[in-house]
């Protein structure tokens, strides 16, 4: 019985974690809002495949780690 309760608890945690995955566009919008709130201007955010970021800083990942959001100034 204890194993069943433990398994059910772990599955519910895994389900909650996967349900909280954000889309790339949603995450990009949140990052842009934070940068704008800090008064940052003259930047760009691009969504690229993982490992192809060149000339910028990776500021987020999305689509289960297959894409990256790159900040360039």
N, C-alpha and C. Protein backbone atom coordinates (compact mmCIF):
# COMPACT_ATOMS: atom_id res chain seq x y z
N UNK A 1 0.83 -1.19 0.00
CA UNK A 1 0.00 0.00 0.00
C UNK A 1 0.87 1.25 0.00
N UNK A 2 1.96 1.22 0.79
CA UNK A 2 2.84 2.37 0.85
C UNK A 2 3.50 2.64 -0.50
N UNK A 3 3.84 1.55 -1.22
CA UNK A 3 4.45 1.70 -2.54
C UNK A 3 3.48 2.34 -3.52
N UNK A 4 2.21 1.95 -3.43
CA UNK A 4 1.19 2.53 -4.29
C UNK A 4 1.03 4.03 -4.05
N UNK A 5 0.99 4.42 -2.80
CA UNK A 5 0.84 5.84 -2.45
C UNK A 5 2.07 6.62 -2.90
N UNK A 6 3.25 6.05 -2.73
CA UNK A 6 4.48 6.70 -3.17
C UNK A 6 4.48 6.86 -4.69
N UNK A 7 4.10 5.81 -5.41
CA UNK A 7 4.06 5.86 -6.87
C UNK A 7 3.04 6.90 -7.34
N UNK A 8 1.88 6.94 -6.73
CA UNK A 8 0.85 7.91 -7.11
C UNK A 8 1.34 9.33 -6.86
N UNK A 9 2.03 9.53 -5.75
CA UNK A 9 2.56 10.86 -5.44
C UNK A 9 3.61 11.30 -6.44
N UNK A 10 4.50 10.39 -6.81
CA UNK A 10 5.54 10.73 -7.79
C UNK A 10 4.94 11.00 -9.17
N UNK A 11 3.96 10.24 -9.57
CA UNK A 11 3.31 10.48 -10.86
C UNK A 11 2.58 11.82 -10.89
N UNK A 12 1.98 12.19 -9.78
CA UNK A 12 1.27 13.47 -9.75
C UNK A 12 2.26 14.64 -9.83
N UNK A 13 3.42 14.48 -9.22
CA UNK A 13 4.46 15.51 -9.32
C UNK A 13 4.98 15.61 -10.73
N UNK A 14 5.21 14.50 -11.39
CA UNK A 14 5.71 14.50 -12.76
C UNK A 14 4.68 15.12 -13.69
N UNK A 15 3.42 14.83 -13.49
CA UNK A 15 2.36 15.41 -14.32
C UNK A 15 2.26 16.90 -14.13
N UNK A 16 2.42 17.39 -12.93
CA UNK A 16 2.35 18.83 -12.66
C UNK A 16 3.53 19.54 -13.29
N UNK A 17 4.69 18.92 -13.28
CA UNK A 17 5.88 19.54 -13.86
C UNK A 17 5.76 19.64 -15.37
N UNK A 18 5.24 18.62 -16.01
CA UNK A 18 5.13 18.66 -17.47
C UNK A 18 3.99 19.58 -17.91
N UNK A 19 2.99 19.78 -17.08
CA UNK A 19 1.88 20.65 -17.43
C UNK A 19 2.28 22.13 -17.36
N UNK A 20 3.39 22.43 -16.69
CA UNK A 20 3.82 23.80 -16.50
C UNK A 20 4.79 24.27 -17.59
N UNK A 21 4.96 23.50 -18.66
CA UNK A 21 5.87 23.85 -19.73
C UNK A 21 5.28 24.99 -20.54
N UNK A 22 6.09 26.04 -20.76
CA UNK A 22 5.63 27.20 -21.50
C UNK A 22 6.05 27.10 -22.96
N UNK A 23 5.28 27.73 -23.82
CA UNK A 23 5.67 27.77 -25.22
C UNK A 23 6.83 28.75 -25.38
N UNK A 24 7.55 28.61 -26.47
CA UNK A 24 8.70 29.49 -26.71
C UNK A 24 8.26 30.95 -26.82
N UNK A 25 7.17 31.19 -27.52
CA UNK A 25 6.70 32.56 -27.68
C UNK A 25 6.28 33.17 -26.35
N UNK A 26 5.65 32.38 -25.50
CA UNK A 26 5.23 32.87 -24.18
C UNK A 26 6.44 33.21 -23.32
N UNK A 27 7.44 32.35 -23.33
CA UNK A 27 8.65 32.60 -22.55
C UNK A 27 9.40 33.82 -23.09
N UNK A 28 9.46 33.94 -24.41
CA UNK A 28 10.12 35.08 -25.04
C UNK A 28 9.43 36.39 -24.63
N UNK A 29 8.11 36.38 -24.60
CA UNK A 29 7.35 37.57 -24.20
C UNK A 29 7.62 37.93 -22.74
N UNK A 30 7.73 36.93 -21.87
CA UNK A 30 8.02 37.19 -20.45
C UNK A 30 9.41 37.79 -20.28
N UNK A 31 10.39 37.25 -21.01
CA UNK A 31 11.76 37.78 -20.92
C UNK A 31 11.79 39.21 -21.44
N UNK A 32 11.11 39.48 -22.55
CA UNK A 32 11.07 40.83 -23.11
C UNK A 32 10.42 41.80 -22.13
N UNK A 33 9.36 41.37 -21.45
CA UNK A 33 8.69 42.23 -20.47
C UNK A 33 9.62 42.58 -19.32
N UNK A 34 10.41 41.60 -18.86
CA UNK A 34 11.36 41.86 -17.77
C UNK A 34 12.46 42.83 -18.22
N UNK A 35 12.94 42.65 -19.44
CA UNK A 35 13.98 43.56 -19.95
C UNK A 35 13.43 44.97 -20.11
N UNK A 36 12.22 45.09 -20.65
CA UNK A 36 11.59 46.40 -20.81
C UNK A 36 11.36 47.08 -19.48
N UNK A 37 10.96 46.29 -18.47
CA UNK A 37 10.72 46.86 -17.14
C UNK A 37 12.00 47.40 -16.52
N UNK A 38 13.15 46.83 -16.89
CA UNK A 38 14.44 47.31 -16.39
C UNK A 38 14.99 48.46 -17.22
N UNK A 39 14.27 48.85 -18.28
CA UNK A 39 14.70 49.97 -19.10
C UNK A 39 15.70 49.60 -20.17
N UNK A 40 15.85 48.32 -20.46
CA UNK A 40 16.79 47.88 -21.50
C UNK A 40 16.17 48.17 -22.86
N UNK A 41 16.97 48.72 -23.78
CA UNK A 41 16.49 48.97 -25.14
C UNK A 41 17.56 48.57 -26.14
N UNK A 42 17.18 48.46 -27.39
CA UNK A 42 18.13 48.12 -28.44
C UNK A 42 18.60 46.67 -28.38
N UNK A 43 17.71 45.76 -28.05
CA UNK A 43 18.06 44.35 -27.96
C UNK A 43 17.15 43.54 -28.88
N UNK A 44 17.53 42.30 -29.11
CA UNK A 44 16.66 41.38 -29.83
C UNK A 44 16.68 40.03 -29.13
N UNK A 45 15.58 39.34 -29.22
CA UNK A 45 15.46 37.99 -28.69
C UNK A 45 15.09 37.08 -29.86
N UNK A 46 15.84 36.00 -30.02
CA UNK A 46 15.58 35.05 -31.10
C UNK A 46 15.40 33.66 -30.54
N UNK A 47 14.51 32.91 -31.14
CA UNK A 47 14.32 31.51 -30.79
C UNK A 47 15.07 30.69 -31.83
N UNK A 48 16.04 29.90 -31.36
CA UNK A 48 16.88 29.10 -32.26
C UNK A 48 16.94 27.66 -31.75
N UNK A 49 17.39 26.77 -32.61
CA UNK A 49 17.61 25.38 -32.19
C UNK A 49 18.75 25.33 -31.19
N UNK A 50 18.67 24.40 -30.27
CA UNK A 50 19.69 24.27 -29.23
C UNK A 50 21.05 24.03 -29.87
N UNK A 51 22.04 24.78 -29.40
CA UNK A 51 23.41 24.63 -29.87
C UNK A 51 23.76 25.47 -31.07
N UNK A 52 22.81 26.24 -31.61
CA UNK A 52 23.10 27.05 -32.79
C UNK A 52 23.21 28.53 -32.46
N UNK A 53 23.18 28.88 -31.20
CA UNK A 53 23.28 30.29 -30.79
C UNK A 53 24.70 30.79 -31.04
N UNK A 54 24.81 31.84 -31.85
CA UNK A 54 26.13 32.43 -32.08
C UNK A 54 26.01 33.94 -31.96
N UNK A 55 26.94 34.53 -31.27
CA UNK A 55 26.94 35.98 -31.12
C UNK A 55 25.94 36.52 -30.13
N UNK A 56 25.43 35.69 -29.26
CA UNK A 56 24.47 36.15 -28.27
C UNK A 56 24.54 35.32 -27.01
N UNK A 57 23.72 35.70 -26.04
CA UNK A 57 23.69 35.00 -24.76
C UNK A 57 22.38 34.24 -24.64
N UNK A 58 22.46 32.98 -24.29
CA UNK A 58 21.26 32.17 -24.09
C UNK A 58 20.61 32.60 -22.78
N UNK A 59 19.35 33.04 -22.86
CA UNK A 59 18.64 33.53 -21.68
C UNK A 59 17.44 32.66 -21.31
N UNK A 60 17.20 31.60 -22.09
CA UNK A 60 16.10 30.70 -21.77
C UNK A 60 16.08 29.51 -22.70
N UNK A 61 15.41 28.45 -22.26
CA UNK A 61 15.21 27.28 -23.09
C UNK A 61 13.73 26.93 -23.10
N UNK A 62 13.29 26.30 -24.17
CA UNK A 62 11.88 25.95 -24.29
C UNK A 62 11.74 24.70 -25.16
N UNK A 63 10.51 24.27 -25.36
CA UNK A 63 10.19 23.04 -26.10
C UNK A 63 11.01 21.87 -25.59
N UNK A 64 10.93 21.69 -24.28
CA UNK A 64 11.61 20.59 -23.58
C UNK A 64 13.11 20.58 -23.83
N UNK A 65 13.71 21.76 -23.92
CA UNK A 65 15.15 21.88 -24.06
C UNK A 65 15.68 21.78 -25.47
N UNK A 66 14.81 21.73 -26.48
CA UNK A 66 15.28 21.61 -27.86
C UNK A 66 15.49 22.97 -28.51
N UNK A 67 14.97 24.03 -27.92
CA UNK A 67 15.12 25.38 -28.45
C UNK A 67 15.72 26.28 -27.38
N UNK A 68 16.39 27.35 -27.81
CA UNK A 68 16.97 28.33 -26.90
C UNK A 68 16.52 29.73 -27.30
N UNK A 69 16.41 30.59 -26.31
CA UNK A 69 16.12 32.00 -26.57
C UNK A 69 17.42 32.76 -26.37
N UNK A 70 17.83 33.47 -27.44
CA UNK A 70 19.12 34.14 -27.45
C UNK A 70 18.90 35.65 -27.41
N UNK A 71 19.64 36.30 -26.50
CA UNK A 71 19.61 37.75 -26.32
C UNK A 71 20.81 38.35 -27.06
N UNK A 72 20.52 39.34 -27.91
CA UNK A 72 21.59 40.05 -28.61
C UNK A 72 21.36 41.55 -28.44
N UNK A 73 22.44 42.29 -28.33
CA UNK A 73 22.35 43.73 -28.18
C UNK A 73 22.89 44.42 -29.38
